PDB file of N, CA and C in Angstrom:
ATOM      1  N   MET A   1     104.790  90.611 122.941  1.00  0.00           N
ATOM      2  CA  MET A   1     104.133  91.812 122.443  1.00  0.00           C
ATOM      3  C   MET A   1     102.642  91.711 122.764  1.00  0.00           C
ATOM      4  N   ASN A   2     102.096  92.769 123.310  1.00  0.00           N
ATOM      5  CA  ASN A   2     100.672  92.819 123.627  1.00  0.00           C
ATOM      6  C   ASN A   2      99.846  92.987 122.358  1.00  0.00           C
ATOM      7  N   GLN A   3      98.634  92.456 122.391  1.00  0.00           N
ATOM      8  CA  GLN A   3      97.733  92.632 121.253  1.00  0.00           C
ATOM      9  C   GLN A   3      97.275  94.080 121.178  1.00  0.00           C
ATOM     10  N   ILE A   4      97.036  94.538 119.950  1.00  0.00           N
ATOM     11  CA  ILE A   4      96.540  95.899 119.754  1.00  0.00           C
ATOM     12  C   ILE A   4      95.181  95.837 119.065  1.00  0.00           C
ATOM     13  N   ALA A   5      94.445  96.915 119.182  1.00  0.00           N
ATOM     14  CA  ALA A   5      93.109  96.993 118.586  1.00  0.00           C
ATOM     15  C   ALA A   5      93.200  96.920 117.064  1.00  0.00           C
ATOM     16  N   PRO A   6      92.207  96.310 116.420  1.00  0.00           N
ATOM     17  CA  PRO A   6      92.225  96.187 114.965  1.00  0.00           C
ATOM     18  C   PRO A   6      92.373  97.524 114.236  1.00  0.00           C
ATOM     19  N   ASP A   7      91.689  98.572 114.699  1.00  0.00           N
ATOM     20  CA  ASP A   7      91.784  99.876 114.026  1.00  0.00           C
ATOM     21  C   ASP A   7      93.203 100.430 114.075  1.00  0.00           C
ATOM     22  N   LYS A   8      93.842 100.294 115.230  1.00  0.00           N
ATOM     23  CA  LYS A   8      95.223 100.771 115.365  1.00  0.00           C
ATOM     24  C   LYS A   8      96.156  99.932 114.493  1.00  0.00           C
ATOM     25  N   ALA A   9      95.933  98.621 114.469  1.00  0.00           N
ATOM     26  CA  ALA A   9      96.757  97.737 113.642  1.00  0.00           C
ATOM     27  C   ALA A   9      96.629  98.101 112.166  1.00  0.00           C
ATOM     28  N   LEU A  10      95.401  98.358 111.711  1.00  0.00           N
ATOM     29  CA  LEU A  10      95.194  98.727 110.308  1.00  0.00           C
ATOM     30  C   LEU A  10      95.934 100.011 109.955  1.00  0.00           C
ATOM     31  N   LYS A  11      95.887 100.990 110.849  1.00  0.00           N
ATOM     32  CA  LYS A  11      96.572 102.255 110.583  1.00  0.00           C
ATOM     33  C   LYS A  11      98.088 102.045 110.544  1.00  0.00           C
ATOM     34  N   GLU A  12      98.617 101.302 111.517  1.00  0.00           N
ATOM     35  CA  GLU A  12     100.055 101.046 111.552  1.00  0.00           C
ATOM     36  C   GLU A  12     100.500 100.260 110.323  1.00  0.00           C
ATOM     37  N   LEU A  13      99.753  99.235 109.971  1.00  0.00           N
ATOM     38  CA  LEU A  13     100.123  98.416 108.813  1.00  0.00           C
ATOM     39  C   LEU A  13     100.003  99.197 107.509  1.00  0.00           C
ATOM     40  N   THR A  14      99.047 100.101 107.433  1.00  0.00           N
ATOM     41  CA  THR A  14      98.888 100.914 106.227  1.00  0.00           C
ATOM     42  C   THR A  14     100.093 101.814 106.017  1.00  0.00           C
ATOM     43  N   ILE A  15     100.551 102.515 107.063  1.00  0.00           N
ATOM     44  CA  ILE A  15     101.710 103.393 106.883  1.00  0.00           C
ATOM     45  C   ILE A  15     102.966 102.566 106.608  1.00  0.00           C
ATOM     46  N   ILE A  16     103.066 101.374 107.202  1.00  0.00           N
ATOM     47  CA  ILE A  16     104.203 100.493 106.908  1.00  0.00           C
ATOM     48  C   ILE A  16     104.184 100.094 105.435  1.00  0.00           C
ATOM     49  N   LEU A  17     103.031  99.655 104.937  1.00  0.00           N
ATOM     50  CA  LEU A  17     102.942  99.237 103.532  1.00  0.00           C
ATOM     51  C   LEU A  17     103.192 100.402 102.581  1.00  0.00           C
ATOM     52  N   MET A  18     102.671 101.574 102.916  1.00  0.00           N
ATOM     53  CA  MET A  18     102.933 102.751 102.080  1.00  0.00           C
ATOM     54  C   MET A  18     104.429 103.040 102.027  1.00  0.00           C
ATOM     55  N   TYR A  19     105.069 102.979 103.181  1.00  0.00           N
ATOM     56  CA  TYR A  19     106.504 103.255 103.252  1.00  0.00           C
ATOM     57  C   TYR A  19     107.305 102.213 102.469  1.00  0.00           C
ATOM     58  N   LEU A  20     106.998 100.939 102.655  1.00  0.00           N
ATOM     59  CA  LEU A  20     107.759  99.883 101.983  1.00  0.00           C
ATOM     60  C   LEU A  20     107.533  99.862 100.470  1.00  0.00           C
ATOM     61  N   SER A  21     106.382 100.327 100.023  1.00  0.00           N
ATOM     62  CA  SER A  21     106.084 100.320  98.582  1.00  0.00           C
ATOM     63  C   SER A  21     106.276 101.693  97.944  1.00  0.00           C
ATOM     64  N   ARG A  22     106.946 102.589  98.654  1.00  0.00           N
ATOM     65  CA  ARG A  22     107.114 103.970  98.183  1.00  0.00           C
ATOM     66  C   ARG A  22     107.925 104.029  96.892  1.00  0.00           C
ATOM     67  N   PHE A  23     107.733 105.122  96.190  1.00  0.00           N
ATOM     68  CA  PHE A  23     108.512 105.405  94.987  1.00  0.00           C
ATOM     69  C   PHE A  23     108.816 106.889  94.980  1.00  0.00           C
ATOM     70  N   ASN A  24     109.790 107.269  94.198  1.00  0.00           N
ATOM     71  CA  ASN A  24     110.211 108.666  94.160  1.00  0.00           C
ATOM     72  C   ASN A  24     110.373 109.070  92.702  1.00  0.00           C
ATOM     73  N   GLU A  25     109.703 110.135  92.318  1.00  0.00           N
ATOM     74  CA  GLU A  25     109.767 110.610  90.937  1.00  0.00           C
ATOM     75  C   GLU A  25     110.486 111.952  90.858  1.00  0.00           C
ATOM     76  N   SER A  26     111.584 112.076  91.608  1.00  0.00           N
ATOM     77  CA  SER A  26     112.315 113.344  91.622  1.00  0.00           C
ATOM     78  C   SER A  26     112.881 113.675  90.244  1.00  0.00           C
ATOM     79  N   ASN A  27     113.092 112.653  89.421  1.00  0.00           N
ATOM     80  CA  ASN A  27     113.582 112.915  88.066  1.00  0.00           C
ATOM     81  C   ASN A  27     112.473 113.464  87.164  1.00  0.00           C
ATOM     82  N   ARG A  28     111.221 113.262  87.553  1.00  0.00           N
ATOM     83  CA  ARG A  28     110.090 113.731  86.764  1.00  0.00           C
ATOM     84  C   ARG A  28     109.528 115.048  87.293  1.00  0.00           C
ATOM     85  N   PHE A  29     109.572 115.200  88.594  1.00  0.00           N
ATOM     86  CA  PHE A  29     109.089 116.414  89.246  1.00  0.00           C
ATOM     87  C   PHE A  29     110.253 117.041  89.998  1.00  0.00           C
ATOM     88  N   GLU A  30     110.100 118.266  90.425  1.00  0.00           N
ATOM     89  CA  GLU A  30     111.187 118.940  91.122  1.00  0.00           C
ATOM     90  C   GLU A  30     111.150 118.702  92.624  1.00  0.00           C
ATOM     91  N   SER A  31     110.401 117.739  93.073  1.00  0.00           N
ATOM     92  CA  SER A  31     110.288 117.425  94.493  1.00  0.00           C
ATOM     93  C   SER A  31     110.953 116.084  94.765  1.00  0.00           C
ATOM     94  N   ASN A  32     111.562 115.965  95.919  1.00  0.00           N
ATOM     95  CA  ASN A  32     112.217 114.711  96.282  1.00  0.00           C
ATOM     96  C   ASN A  32     111.414 113.959  97.340  1.00  0.00           C
ATOM     97  N   ILE A  33     110.106 114.118  97.318  1.00  0.00           N
ATOM     98  CA  ILE A  33     109.260 113.472  98.324  1.00  0.00           C
ATOM     99  C   ILE A  33     108.930 112.044  97.892  1.00  0.00           C
ATOM    100  N   ASP A  34     108.937 111.141  98.865  1.00  0.00           N
ATOM    101  CA  ASP A  34     108.546 109.762  98.587  1.00  0.00           C
ATOM    102  C   ASP A  34     107.031 109.694  98.449  1.00  0.00           C
ATOM    103  N   MET A  35     106.578 108.907  97.497  1.00  0.00           N
ATOM    104  CA  MET A  35     105.161 108.782  97.186  1.00  0.00           C
ATOM    105  C   MET A  35     104.719 107.333  97.409  1.00  0.00           C
ATOM    106  N   ALA A  36     103.412 107.144  97.573  1.00  0.00           N
ATOM    107  CA  ALA A  36     102.829 105.805  97.681  1.00  0.00           C
ATOM    108  C   ALA A  36     101.455 105.835  97.026  1.00  0.00           C
ATOM    109  N   TRP A  37     101.036 104.685  96.524  1.00  0.00           N
ATOM    110  CA  TRP A  37      99.714 104.604  95.915  1.00  0.00           C
ATOM    111  C   TRP A  37      98.645 104.620  96.990  1.00  0.00           C
ATOM    112  N   LYS A  38      97.468 105.111  96.635  1.00  0.00           N
ATOM    113  CA  LYS A  38      96.348 105.289  97.562  1.00  0.00           C
ATOM    114  C   LYS A  38      95.448 104.064  97.687  1.00  0.00           C
ATOM    115  N   GLY A  39      95.883 102.900  97.379  1.00  0.00           N
ATOM    116  CA  GLY A  39      95.017 101.727  97.355  1.00  0.00           C
ATOM    117  C   GLY A  39      94.709 101.140  98.720  1.00  0.00           C
ATOM    118  N   TYR A  40      94.403 101.981  99.679  1.00  0.00           N
ATOM    119  CA  TYR A  40      94.115 101.538 101.037  1.00  0.00           C
ATOM    120  C   TYR A  40      92.798 102.154 101.493  1.00  0.00           C
ATOM    121  N   ASP A  41      92.326 101.751 102.660  1.00  0.00           N
ATOM    122  CA  ASP A  41      91.080 102.259 103.226  1.00  0.00           C
ATOM    123  C   ASP A  41      91.115 103.789 103.279  1.00  0.00           C
ATOM    124  N   PHE A  42      90.124 104.426 102.667  1.00  0.00           N
ATOM    125  CA  PHE A  42      90.126 105.893 102.580  1.00  0.00           C
ATOM    126  C   PHE A  42      89.997 106.562 103.944  1.00  0.00           C
ATOM    127  N   ASN A  43      89.302 105.938 104.879  1.00  0.00           N
ATOM    128  CA  ASN A  43      89.204 106.518 106.222  1.00  0.00           C
ATOM    129  C   ASN A  43      90.570 106.552 106.899  1.00  0.00           C
ATOM    130  N   ILE A  44      91.338 105.496 106.723  1.00  0.00           N
ATOM    131  CA  ILE A  44      92.683 105.459 107.301  1.00  0.00           C
ATOM    132  C   ILE A  44      93.580 106.469 106.598  1.00  0.00           C
ATOM    133  N   ILE A  45      93.481 106.556 105.278  1.00  0.00           N
ATOM    134  CA  ILE A  45      94.267 107.551 104.536  1.00  0.00           C
ATOM    135  C   ILE A  45      93.935 108.955 105.036  1.00  0.00           C
ATOM    136  N   ASN A  46      92.660 109.239 105.228  1.00  0.00           N
ATOM    137  CA  ASN A  46      92.261 110.557 105.737  1.00  0.00           C
ATOM    138  C   ASN A  46      92.817 110.811 107.133  1.00  0.00           C
ATOM    139  N   GLU A  47      92.799 109.797 108.003  1.00  0.00           N
ATOM    140  CA  GLU A  47      93.362 109.950 109.352  1.00  0.00           C
ATOM    141  C   GLU A  47      94.859 110.230 109.285  1.00  0.00           C
ATOM    142  N   LEU A  48      95.578 109.474 108.463  1.00  0.00           N
ATOM    143  CA  LEU A  48      97.025 109.681 108.337  1.00  0.00           C
ATOM    144  C   LEU A  48      97.330 111.074 107.791  1.00  0.00           C
ATOM    145  N   ASP A  49      96.486 111.560 106.891  1.00  0.00           N
ATOM    146  CA  ASP A  49      96.639 112.915 106.359  1.00  0.00           C
ATOM    147  C   ASP A  49      96.368 113.946 107.453  1.00  0.00           C
ATOM    148  N   ASP A  50      95.285 113.772 108.190  1.00  0.00           N
ATOM    149  CA  ASP A  50      94.941 114.700 109.274  1.00  0.00           C
ATOM    150  C   ASP A  50      96.041 114.763 110.334  1.00  0.00           C
ATOM    151  N   GLU A  51      96.716 113.641 110.563  1.00  0.00           N
ATOM    152  CA  GLU A  51      97.769 113.568 111.578  1.00  0.00           C
ATOM    153  C   GLU A  51      99.127 114.024 111.046  1.00  0.00           C
ATOM    154  N   GLY A  52      99.204 114.345 109.750  1.00  0.00           N
ATOM    155  CA  GLY A  52     100.435 114.879 109.182  1.00  0.00           C
ATOM    156  C   GLY A  52     101.452 113.847 108.732  1.00  0.00           C
ATOM    157  N   TYR A  53     101.061 112.572 108.631  1.00  0.00           N
ATOM    158  CA  TYR A  53     101.996 111.536 108.205  1.00  0.00           C
ATOM    159  C   TYR A  53     102.069 111.395 106.690  1.00  0.00           C
ATOM    160  N   ILE A  54     101.007 111.791 106.015  1.00  0.00           N
ATOM    161  CA  ILE A  54     100.984 111.793 104.550  1.00  0.00           C
ATOM    162  C   ILE A  54     100.307 113.079 104.091  1.00  0.00           C
ATOM    163  N   ARG A  55     100.465 113.384 102.816  1.00  0.00           N
ATOM    164  CA  ARG A  55      99.766 114.510 102.192  1.00  0.00           C
ATOM    165  C   ARG A  55      99.087 113.979 100.939  1.00  0.00           C
ATOM    166  N   GLN A  56      97.766 114.180 100.874  1.00  0.00           N
ATOM    167  CA  GLN A  56      97.005 113.684  99.730  1.00  0.00           C
ATOM    168  C   GLN A  56      97.021 114.632  98.548  1.00  0.00           C
ATOM    169  N   GLY A  57      97.231 115.904  98.798  1.00  0.00           N
ATOM    170  CA  GLY A  57      97.100 116.859  97.704  1.00  0.00           C
ATOM    171  C   GLY A  57      95.663 116.835  97.228  1.00  0.00           C
ATOM    172  N   SER A  58      95.462 116.623  95.959  1.00  0.00           N
ATOM    173  CA  SER A  58      94.127 116.523  95.385  1.00  0.00           C
ATOM    174  C   SER A  58      93.508 115.182  95.769  1.00  0.00           C
ATOM    175  N   TYR A  59      92.257 115.209  96.194  1.00  0.00           N
ATOM    176  CA  TYR A  59      91.588 113.958  96.550  1.00  0.00           C
ATOM    177  C   TYR A  59      91.390 113.063  95.327  1.00  0.00           C
ATOM    178  N   ARG A  60      91.542 113.609  94.134  1.00  0.00           N
ATOM    179  CA  ARG A  60      91.409 112.810  92.910  1.00  0.00           C
ATOM    180  C   ARG A  60      92.721 112.133  92.547  1.00  0.00           C
ATOM    181  N   SER A  61      93.794 112.534  93.203  1.00  0.00           N
ATOM    182  CA  SER A  61      95.105 111.957  92.951  1.00  0.00           C
ATOM    183  C   SER A  61      95.117 110.483  93.350  1.00  0.00           C
ATOM    184  N   LYS A  62      95.903 109.688  92.648  1.00  0.00           N
ATOM    185  CA  LYS A  62      95.996 108.265  92.948  1.00  0.00           C
ATOM    186  C   LYS A  62      97.169 107.937  93.860  1.00  0.00           C
ATOM    187  N   SER A  63      97.931 108.958  94.233  1.00  0.00           N
ATOM    188  CA  SER A  63      99.069 108.734  95.115  1.00  0.00           C
ATOM    189  C   SER A  63      99.096 109.786  96.216  1.00  0.00           C
ATOM    190  N   VAL A  64      99.868 109.492  97.254  1.00  0.00           N
ATOM    191  CA  VAL A  64     100.046 110.409  98.380  1.00  0.00           C
ATOM    192  C   VAL A  64     101.535 110.633  98.584  1.00  0.00           C
ATOM    193  N   GLY A  65     101.868 111.754  99.204  1.00  0.00           N
ATOM    194  CA  GLY A  65     103.244 112.009  99.601  1.00  0.00           C
ATOM    195  C   GLY A  65     103.421 111.606 101.054  1.00  0.00           C
ATOM    196  N   ILE A  66     104.531 110.963 101.364  1.00  0.00           N
ATOM    197  CA  ILE A  66     104.825 110.576 102.739  1.00  0.00           C
ATOM    198  C   ILE A  66     105.691 111.673 103.348  1.00  0.00           C
ATOM    199  N   THR A  67     105.227 112.277 104.429  1.00  0.00           N
ATOM    200  CA  THR A  67     105.956 113.373 105.063  1.00  0.00           C
ATOM    201  C   THR A  67     107.141 112.829 105.866  1.00  0.00           C
ATOM    202  N   GLU A  68     108.016 113.739 106.314  1.00  0.00           N
ATOM    203  CA  GLU A  68     109.137 113.326 107.165  1.00  0.00           C
ATOM    204  C   GLU A  68     108.632 112.639 108.428  1.00  0.00           C
ATOM    205  N   GLU A  69     107.540 113.170 108.994  1.00  0.00           N
ATOM    206  CA  GLU A  69     106.950 112.543 110.184  1.00  0.00           C
ATOM    207  C   GLU A  69     106.424 111.146 109.857  1.00  0.00           C
ATOM    208  N   GLY A  70     105.867 110.982 108.658  1.00  0.00           N
ATOM    209  CA  GLY A  70     105.387 109.673 108.235  1.00  0.00           C
ATOM    210  C   GLY A  70     106.516 108.677 108.070  1.00  0.00           C
ATOM    211  N   VAL A  71     107.642 109.143 107.526  1.00  0.00           N
ATOM    212  CA  VAL A  71     108.822 108.284 107.382  1.00  0.00           C
ATOM    213  C   VAL A  71     109.319 107.860 108.761  1.00  0.00           C
ATOM    214  N   LYS A  72     109.389 108.799 109.700  1.00  0.00           N
ATOM    215  CA  LYS A  72     109.835 108.474 111.064  1.00  0.00           C
ATOM    216  C   LYS A  72     108.912 107.450 111.709  1.00  0.00           C
ATOM    217  N   LEU A  73     107.600 107.675 111.580  1.00  0.00           N
ATOM    218  CA  LEU A  73     106.635 106.736 112.153  1.00  0.00           C
ATOM    219  C   LEU A  73     106.800 105.354 111.535  1.00  0.00           C
ATOM    220  N   ALA A  74     106.890 105.292 110.218  1.00  0.00           N
ATOM    221  CA  ALA A  74     107.015 104.003 109.535  1.00  0.00           C
ATOM    222  C   ALA A  74     108.280 103.272 109.978  1.00  0.00           C
ATOM    223  N   ARG A  75     109.391 103.984 110.085  1.00  0.00           N
ATOM    224  CA  ARG A  75     110.645 103.347 110.515  1.00  0.00           C
ATOM    225  C   ARG A  75     110.538 102.835 111.949  1.00  0.00           C
ATOM    226  N   ASN A  76     109.889 103.607 112.819  1.00  0.00           N
ATOM    227  CA  ASN A  76     109.680 103.145 114.197  1.00  0.00           C
ATOM    228  C   ASN A  76     108.807 101.895 114.225  1.00  0.00           C
ATOM    229  N   LEU A  77     107.787 101.864 113.375  1.00  0.00           N
ATOM    230  CA  LEU A  77     106.904 100.698 113.326  1.00  0.00           C
ATOM    231  C   LEU A  77     107.618  99.484 112.735  1.00  0.00           C
ATOM    232  N   LEU A  78     108.488  99.696 111.756  1.00  0.00           N
ATOM    233  CA  LEU A  78     109.285  98.584 111.227  1.00  0.00           C
ATOM    234  C   LEU A  78     110.105  97.967 112.353  1.00  0.00           C
ATOM    235  N   ASN A  79     110.702  98.819 113.163  1.00  0.00           N
ATOM    236  CA  ASN A  79     111.486  98.352 114.303  1.00  0.00           C
ATOM    237  C   ASN A  79     110.591  97.611 115.304  1.00  0.00           C
ATOM    238  N   LYS A  80     109.419  98.171 115.584  1.00  0.00           N
ATOM    239  CA  LYS A  80     108.474  97.560 116.526  1.00  0.00           C
ATOM    240  C   LYS A  80     108.093  96.148 116.096  1.00  0.00           C
ATOM    241  N   TYR A  81     107.849  95.965 114.794  1.00  0.00           N
ATOM    242  CA  TYR A  81     107.417  94.670 114.274  1.00  0.00           C
ATOM    243  C   TYR A  81     108.569  93.831 113.721  1.00  0.00           C
ATOM    244  N   ASN A  82     109.806  94.303 113.931  1.00  0.00           N
ATOM    245  CA  ASN A  82     111.008  93.588 113.496  1.00  0.00           C
ATOM    246  C   ASN A  82     110.984  93.285 111.992  1.00  0.00           C
ATOM    247  N   ILE A  83     110.650  94.315 111.207  1.00  0.00           N
ATOM    248  CA  ILE A  83     110.629  94.213 109.749  1.00  0.00           C
ATOM    249  C   ILE A  83     111.835  94.970 109.211  1.00  0.00           C
ATOM    250  N   LYS A  84     112.574  94.355 108.331  1.00  0.00           N
ATOM    251  CA  LYS A  84     113.761  94.982 107.751  1.00  0.00           C
ATOM    252  C   LYS A  84     113.344  96.041 106.731  1.00  0.00           C
ATOM    253  N   ASP A  85     114.000  97.198 106.785  1.00  0.00           N
ATOM    254  CA  ASP A  85     113.759  98.262 105.804  1.00  0.00           C
ATOM    255  C   ASP A  85     114.340  97.831 104.465  1.00  0.00           C
ATOM    256  N   ARG A  86     113.769  98.308 103.394  1.00  0.00           N
ATOM    257  CA  ARG A  86     114.243  97.905 102.061  1.00  0.00           C
ATOM    258  C   ARG A  86     115.498  98.640 101.633  1.00  0.00           C
ATOM    259  N   GLU A  87     115.893  99.675 102.355  1.00  0.00           N
ATOM    260  CA  GLU A  87     117.088 100.436 101.973  1.00  0.00           C
ATOM    261  C   GLU A  87     118.347  99.730 102.414  1.00  0.00           C
TER     262      GLU A  87
END
């Protein structure tokens, strides 16, 4: 595997960690979207939001929603790095 730039690695690892640590509160809310906590670099979170992989909703929110595109990206990255999905 070729080395990748640190910025790209941080973005890829962030979406992987968000995906692996996701939770779903469909029993509490009427949405079945997977959520993740926002405890990552805000610039990367903003980039992932701009690219459509996550949705922040309110910037004051402590969690983000992972979009279908974000789930696809995360699963592809799990495969790329040979990481087993938790499902």
